[in-house]
Amino acid sequence: MVKCMVLVSCAMLLISPTFAVHAQQGYRLPDIRSLKHLTTKQTDRARDIPGSETTVDYYSAADGSVVTVYTYMGKPVAFSTHSNSNYQGTYRLFMDLTGTGFFQEVSGAIKWELPPWVRR
């Protein structure tokens, strides 16, 4: 099945060169097993769900960067990365917008909420 999807994707790229320009790159959740867990907290990322429903785990990498993982009911919905030495210049936010485990980079400048797929 994966090979079939790869072949179809390659064919789409050959047929339509504009597809590659408009397609967003998908990212996987970082491997947190190799990171040091710093702390956990609860936060509110959905106006329609009462309380602080989102779990936030903070991790530190050997190079000093920080990975923050946001989960809802045990499922990762977003993660962010930044460097402690330059938070403003290095902050990046990635969300799983479809529930497939592939994360897309989104603007970290806006207040975000849980994606619709978590409510299904």
N, C-alpha and C. Protein backbone atom coordinates (compact mmCIF):
# COMPACT_ATOMS: atom_id res chain seq x y z
N MET A 1 0.83 -1.19 0.00
CA MET A 1 0.00 0.00 0.00
C MET A 1 0.87 1.25 0.00
N VAL A 2 1.93 1.25 0.81
CA VAL A 2 2.82 2.41 0.87
C VAL A 2 3.51 2.61 -0.48
N LYS A 3 3.94 1.50 -1.11
CA LYS A 3 4.58 1.61 -2.42
C LYS A 3 3.63 2.21 -3.44
N CYS A 4 2.37 1.81 -3.36
CA CYS A 4 1.37 2.33 -4.28
C CYS A 4 1.19 3.83 -4.08
N MET A 5 1.16 4.26 -2.81
CA MET A 5 1.00 5.68 -2.53
C MET A 5 2.20 6.48 -3.02
N VAL A 6 3.40 5.91 -2.88
CA VAL A 6 4.61 6.57 -3.35
C VAL A 6 4.57 6.70 -4.86
N LEU A 7 4.17 5.64 -5.56
CA LEU A 7 4.09 5.67 -7.01
C LEU A 7 3.07 6.71 -7.48
N VAL A 8 1.93 6.76 -6.83
CA VAL A 8 0.91 7.75 -7.20
C VAL A 8 1.43 9.16 -6.96
N SER A 9 2.12 9.37 -5.84
CA SER A 9 2.69 10.68 -5.54
C SER A 9 3.72 11.09 -6.58
N CYS A 10 4.57 10.15 -6.97
CA CYS A 10 5.58 10.43 -7.99
C CYS A 10 4.91 10.76 -9.32
N ALA A 11 3.88 10.02 -9.66
CA ALA A 11 3.16 10.28 -10.90
C ALA A 11 2.52 11.66 -10.87
N MET A 12 1.95 12.05 -9.73
CA MET A 12 1.35 13.38 -9.61
C MET A 12 2.39 14.47 -9.81
N LEU A 13 3.59 14.25 -9.29
CA LEU A 13 4.65 15.24 -9.45
C LEU A 13 5.06 15.37 -10.91
N LEU A 14 5.10 14.25 -11.64
CA LEU A 14 5.47 14.29 -13.04
C LEU A 14 4.37 14.92 -13.90
N ILE A 15 3.13 14.66 -13.54
CA ILE A 15 2.01 15.18 -14.33
C ILE A 15 1.79 16.66 -14.06
N SER A 16 1.86 17.06 -12.82
CA SER A 16 1.54 18.43 -12.44
C SER A 16 2.68 19.04 -11.65
N PRO A 17 3.55 19.80 -12.29
CA PRO A 17 4.67 20.40 -11.56
C PRO A 17 4.23 21.39 -10.50
N THR A 18 3.04 21.98 -10.63
CA THR A 18 2.59 22.92 -9.62
C THR A 18 2.20 22.22 -8.33
N PHE A 19 1.93 20.92 -8.39
CA PHE A 19 1.58 20.16 -7.19
C PHE A 19 2.69 20.23 -6.16
N ALA A 20 3.92 20.11 -6.59
CA ALA A 20 5.06 20.12 -5.66
C ALA A 20 5.22 21.48 -4.99
N VAL A 21 4.88 22.54 -5.69
CA VAL A 21 5.02 23.88 -5.15
C VAL A 21 4.00 24.12 -4.04
N HIS A 22 2.76 23.63 -4.23
CA HIS A 22 1.69 23.91 -3.29
C HIS A 22 1.55 22.88 -2.19
N ALA A 23 2.17 21.73 -2.32
CA ALA A 23 2.05 20.68 -1.30
C ALA A 23 2.83 21.09 -0.06
N GLN A 24 2.25 20.84 1.11
CA GLN A 24 2.96 21.12 2.34
C GLN A 24 3.74 19.89 2.77
N GLN A 25 4.89 20.13 3.33
CA GLN A 25 5.73 19.04 3.79
C GLN A 25 5.19 18.52 5.12
N GLY A 26 5.14 17.20 5.25
CA GLY A 26 4.71 16.60 6.50
C GLY A 26 5.89 16.25 7.37
N TYR A 27 5.74 16.42 8.65
CA TYR A 27 6.79 16.10 9.62
C TYR A 27 6.27 15.04 10.58
N ARG A 28 7.18 14.26 11.11
CA ARG A 28 6.84 13.28 12.14
C ARG A 28 7.16 13.87 13.51
N LEU A 29 6.47 13.35 14.52
CA LEU A 29 6.75 13.75 15.89
C LEU A 29 8.19 13.38 16.22
N PRO A 30 8.96 14.28 16.83
CA PRO A 30 10.34 13.95 17.20
C PRO A 30 10.38 12.74 18.14
N ASP A 31 11.48 12.01 18.09
CA ASP A 31 11.67 10.86 18.96
C ASP A 31 12.01 11.36 20.37
N ILE A 32 11.00 11.40 21.23
CA ILE A 32 11.20 11.96 22.57
C ILE A 32 11.96 11.03 23.49
N ARG A 33 12.14 9.77 23.08
CA ARG A 33 12.89 8.83 23.93
C ARG A 33 14.33 9.26 24.13
N SER A 34 14.86 10.02 23.18
CA SER A 34 16.25 10.46 23.29
C SER A 34 16.37 11.83 23.97
N LEU A 35 15.24 12.38 24.41
CA LEU A 35 15.24 13.70 25.05
C LEU A 35 15.01 13.59 26.55
N LYS A 36 15.42 14.61 27.28
CA LYS A 36 15.22 14.64 28.72
C LYS A 36 13.88 15.31 29.03
N HIS A 37 13.01 14.60 29.76
CA HIS A 37 11.71 15.17 30.13
C HIS A 37 11.91 16.21 31.21
N LEU A 38 11.37 17.40 30.99
CA LEU A 38 11.52 18.49 31.96
C LEU A 38 10.32 18.60 32.89
N THR A 39 9.13 18.73 32.33
CA THR A 39 7.94 18.90 33.15
C THR A 39 6.68 18.64 32.32
N THR A 40 5.56 18.52 33.00
CA THR A 40 4.26 18.33 32.36
C THR A 40 3.27 19.32 32.97
N LYS A 41 2.39 19.86 32.14
CA LYS A 41 1.33 20.73 32.66
C LYS A 41 0.08 20.55 31.81
N GLN A 42 -1.02 21.06 32.30
CA GLN A 42 -2.30 21.02 31.58
C GLN A 42 -2.62 22.43 31.10
N THR A 43 -3.24 22.53 29.93
CA THR A 43 -3.61 23.83 29.38
C THR A 43 -4.93 23.71 28.62
N ASP A 44 -5.53 24.83 28.33
CA ASP A 44 -6.81 24.86 27.61
C ASP A 44 -6.55 25.24 26.16
N ARG A 45 -6.79 24.33 25.24
CA ARG A 45 -6.61 24.58 23.81
C ARG A 45 -7.90 24.35 23.02
N ALA A 46 -9.04 24.31 23.73
CA ALA A 46 -10.33 24.15 23.05
C ALA A 46 -11.40 24.87 23.86
N ARG A 47 -11.98 25.90 23.24
CA ARG A 47 -13.01 26.68 23.94
C ARG A 47 -14.26 25.85 24.23
N ASP A 48 -14.55 24.87 23.38
CA ASP A 48 -15.79 24.10 23.52
C ASP A 48 -15.65 22.89 24.45
N ILE A 49 -14.46 22.62 24.95
CA ILE A 49 -14.24 21.52 25.90
C ILE A 49 -13.89 22.15 27.24
N PRO A 50 -14.70 21.91 28.27
CA PRO A 50 -14.44 22.56 29.55
C PRO A 50 -13.15 22.08 30.22
N GLY A 51 -12.51 23.00 30.91
CA GLY A 51 -11.31 22.66 31.67
C GLY A 51 -10.04 22.73 30.84
N SER A 52 -8.98 22.28 31.46
CA SER A 52 -7.67 22.23 30.81
C SER A 52 -7.47 20.83 30.25
N GLU A 53 -7.87 20.63 29.02
CA GLU A 53 -7.95 19.30 28.41
C GLU A 53 -6.66 18.84 27.72
N THR A 54 -5.75 19.75 27.47
CA THR A 54 -4.55 19.42 26.70
C THR A 54 -3.36 19.25 27.64
N THR A 55 -2.65 18.13 27.49
CA THR A 55 -1.44 17.87 28.27
C THR A 55 -0.25 18.38 27.48
N VAL A 56 0.62 19.09 28.18
CA VAL A 56 1.81 19.66 27.55
C VAL A 56 3.04 19.08 28.25
N ASP A 57 3.89 18.42 27.46
CA ASP A 57 5.14 17.86 27.98
C ASP A 57 6.31 18.61 27.37
N TYR A 58 7.24 19.01 28.21
CA TYR A 58 8.42 19.75 27.78
C TYR A 58 9.64 18.84 27.85
N TYR A 59 10.44 18.86 26.79
CA TYR A 59 11.65 18.03 26.70
C TYR A 59 12.82 18.90 26.28
N SER A 60 14.00 18.50 26.72
CA SER A 60 15.23 19.19 26.38
C SER A 60 16.15 18.26 25.60
N ALA A 61 16.75 18.79 24.54
CA ALA A 61 17.72 18.03 23.75
C ALA A 61 19.13 18.37 24.21
N ALA A 62 20.08 17.55 23.82
CA ALA A 62 21.48 17.75 24.23
C ALA A 62 22.04 19.08 23.73
N ASP A 63 21.53 19.57 22.60
CA ASP A 63 22.03 20.84 22.05
C ASP A 63 21.37 22.07 22.67
N GLY A 64 20.49 21.87 23.67
CA GLY A 64 19.85 22.98 24.34
C GLY A 64 18.49 23.36 23.77
N SER A 65 18.10 22.74 22.67
CA SER A 65 16.78 23.05 22.11
C SER A 65 15.69 22.39 22.95
N VAL A 66 14.49 22.96 22.88
CA VAL A 66 13.36 22.47 23.65
C VAL A 66 12.28 21.99 22.69
N VAL A 67 11.72 20.82 22.96
CA VAL A 67 10.61 20.27 22.21
C VAL A 67 9.41 20.21 23.16
N THR A 68 8.30 20.78 22.74
CA THR A 68 7.08 20.77 23.52
C THR A 68 6.05 19.94 22.76
N VAL A 69 5.47 18.94 23.44
CA VAL A 69 4.50 18.06 22.81
C VAL A 69 3.14 18.27 23.46
N TYR A 70 2.13 18.54 22.63
CA TYR A 70 0.76 18.76 23.10
C TYR A 70 -0.08 17.52 22.77
N THR A 71 -0.72 16.93 23.78
CA THR A 71 -1.54 15.74 23.54
C THR A 71 -2.94 15.95 24.09
N TYR A 72 -3.88 15.28 23.44
CA TYR A 72 -5.27 15.28 23.90
C TYR A 72 -5.73 13.84 23.97
N MET A 73 -6.12 13.42 25.16
CA MET A 73 -6.55 12.03 25.40
C MET A 73 -5.51 11.03 24.88
N GLY A 74 -4.24 11.33 25.14
CA GLY A 74 -3.15 10.44 24.79
C GLY A 74 -2.67 10.51 23.35
N LYS A 75 -3.30 11.33 22.52
CA LYS A 75 -2.91 11.44 21.11
C LYS A 75 -2.18 12.77 20.88
N PRO A 76 -0.98 12.71 20.30
CA PRO A 76 -0.27 13.95 19.99
C PRO A 76 -1.02 14.76 18.93
N VAL A 77 -1.26 16.02 19.21
CA VAL A 77 -1.96 16.88 18.26
C VAL A 77 -1.06 17.98 17.71
N ALA A 78 0.01 18.30 18.45
CA ALA A 78 0.93 19.35 18.00
C ALA A 78 2.25 19.21 18.74
N PHE A 79 3.27 19.82 18.16
CA PHE A 79 4.54 19.96 18.88
C PHE A 79 5.21 21.24 18.41
N SER A 80 6.04 21.77 19.26
CA SER A 80 6.79 22.96 18.90
C SER A 80 8.25 22.76 19.27
N THR A 81 9.11 23.52 18.62
CA THR A 81 10.54 23.47 18.90
C THR A 81 11.05 24.89 19.01
N HIS A 82 12.06 25.08 19.84
CA HIS A 82 12.73 26.36 19.92
C HIS A 82 14.07 26.20 20.64
N SER A 83 14.90 27.19 20.47
CA SER A 83 16.18 27.23 21.15
C SER A 83 16.05 28.17 22.35
N ASN A 84 16.58 27.78 23.48
CA ASN A 84 16.52 28.65 24.65
C ASN A 84 17.30 29.95 24.44
N SER A 85 18.31 29.90 23.59
CA SER A 85 19.14 31.09 23.39
C SER A 85 18.48 32.11 22.45
N ASN A 86 17.49 31.67 21.65
CA ASN A 86 16.84 32.59 20.71
C ASN A 86 15.41 32.13 20.47
N TYR A 87 14.56 32.26 21.47
CA TYR A 87 13.18 31.77 21.38
C TYR A 87 12.43 32.41 20.22
N GLN A 88 12.46 33.74 20.13
CA GLN A 88 11.72 34.45 19.09
C GLN A 88 12.15 34.04 17.68
N GLY A 89 13.43 33.86 17.49
CA GLY A 89 13.94 33.56 16.15
C GLY A 89 13.88 32.09 15.76
N THR A 90 13.65 31.20 16.73
CA THR A 90 13.71 29.77 16.41
C THR A 90 12.41 29.02 16.66
N TYR A 91 11.38 29.68 17.21
CA TYR A 91 10.13 28.99 17.54
C TYR A 91 9.42 28.51 16.27
N ARG A 92 9.05 27.21 16.24
CA ARG A 92 8.30 26.62 15.13
C ARG A 92 7.21 25.74 15.72
N LEU A 93 6.01 25.80 15.15
CA LEU A 93 4.85 25.04 15.63
C LEU A 93 4.37 24.12 14.52
N PHE A 94 4.11 22.86 14.87
CA PHE A 94 3.65 21.85 13.93
C PHE A 94 2.38 21.21 14.47
N MET A 95 1.35 21.07 13.62
CA MET A 95 0.08 20.47 14.06
C MET A 95 -0.29 19.31 13.15
N ASP A 96 -0.90 18.29 13.77
CA ASP A 96 -1.48 17.17 13.02
C ASP A 96 -2.90 17.59 12.68
N LEU A 97 -3.10 18.12 11.51
CA LEU A 97 -4.39 18.68 11.12
C LEU A 97 -5.39 17.62 10.67
N THR A 98 -4.92 16.39 10.40
CA THR A 98 -5.79 15.35 9.85
C THR A 98 -5.93 14.12 10.75
N GLY A 99 -5.13 14.02 11.78
CA GLY A 99 -5.18 12.84 12.65
C GLY A 99 -4.41 11.66 12.12
N THR A 100 -3.53 11.88 11.16
CA THR A 100 -2.76 10.81 10.53
C THR A 100 -1.36 10.64 11.10
N GLY A 101 -0.96 11.53 12.00
CA GLY A 101 0.39 11.45 12.55
C GLY A 101 1.41 12.23 11.76
N PHE A 102 0.97 12.92 10.70
CA PHE A 102 1.86 13.81 9.94
C PHE A 102 1.55 15.24 10.35
N PHE A 103 2.57 15.96 10.72
CA PHE A 103 2.42 17.30 11.25
C PHE A 103 2.82 18.32 10.19
N GLN A 104 2.06 19.40 10.12
CA GLN A 104 2.35 20.49 9.19
C GLN A 104 2.74 21.72 9.99
N GLU A 105 3.70 22.46 9.46
CA GLU A 105 4.10 23.68 10.15
C GLU A 105 3.01 24.73 9.99
N VAL A 106 2.64 25.36 11.09
CA VAL A 106 1.63 26.42 11.09
C VAL A 106 2.22 27.64 11.78
N SER A 107 1.56 28.76 11.62
CA SER A 107 2.03 30.00 12.23
C SER A 107 1.96 29.90 13.74
N GLY A 108 3.05 30.18 14.38
CA GLY A 108 3.08 30.19 15.84
C GLY A 108 2.67 31.54 16.40
N ALA A 109 2.37 32.49 15.51
CA ALA A 109 2.01 33.84 15.95
C ALA A 109 0.55 33.94 16.39
N ILE A 110 -0.26 32.95 16.07
CA ILE A 110 -1.67 33.01 16.44
C ILE A 110 -1.97 32.02 17.56
N LYS A 111 -3.01 32.29 18.33
CA LYS A 111 -3.44 31.34 19.36
C LYS A 111 -4.15 30.20 18.65
N TRP A 112 -3.67 28.99 18.82
CA TRP A 112 -4.25 27.85 18.12
C TRP A 112 -5.12 27.03 19.06
N GLU A 113 -6.01 26.25 18.46
CA GLU A 113 -6.89 25.35 19.20
C GLU A 113 -6.71 23.93 18.67
N LEU A 114 -7.26 22.98 19.41
CA LEU A 114 -7.20 21.59 18.97
C LEU A 114 -7.84 21.45 17.60
N PRO A 115 -7.28 20.61 16.73
CA PRO A 115 -7.86 20.41 15.40
C PRO A 115 -9.20 19.67 15.50
N PRO A 116 -10.07 19.83 14.50
CA PRO A 116 -11.41 19.22 14.54
C PRO A 116 -11.41 17.70 14.68
N TRP A 117 -10.41 17.00 14.18
CA TRP A 117 -10.43 15.53 14.21
C TRP A 117 -10.42 14.96 15.63
N VAL A 118 -9.98 15.71 16.63
CA VAL A 118 -9.95 15.18 18.00
C VAL A 118 -11.34 15.06 18.60
N ARG A 119 -12.31 15.73 18.02
CA ARG A 119 -13.67 15.72 18.55
C ARG A 119 -14.51 14.59 17.98
N ARG A 120 -13.99 13.82 17.06
CA ARG A 120 -14.74 12.72 16.45
C ARG A 120 -14.76 11.51 17.32
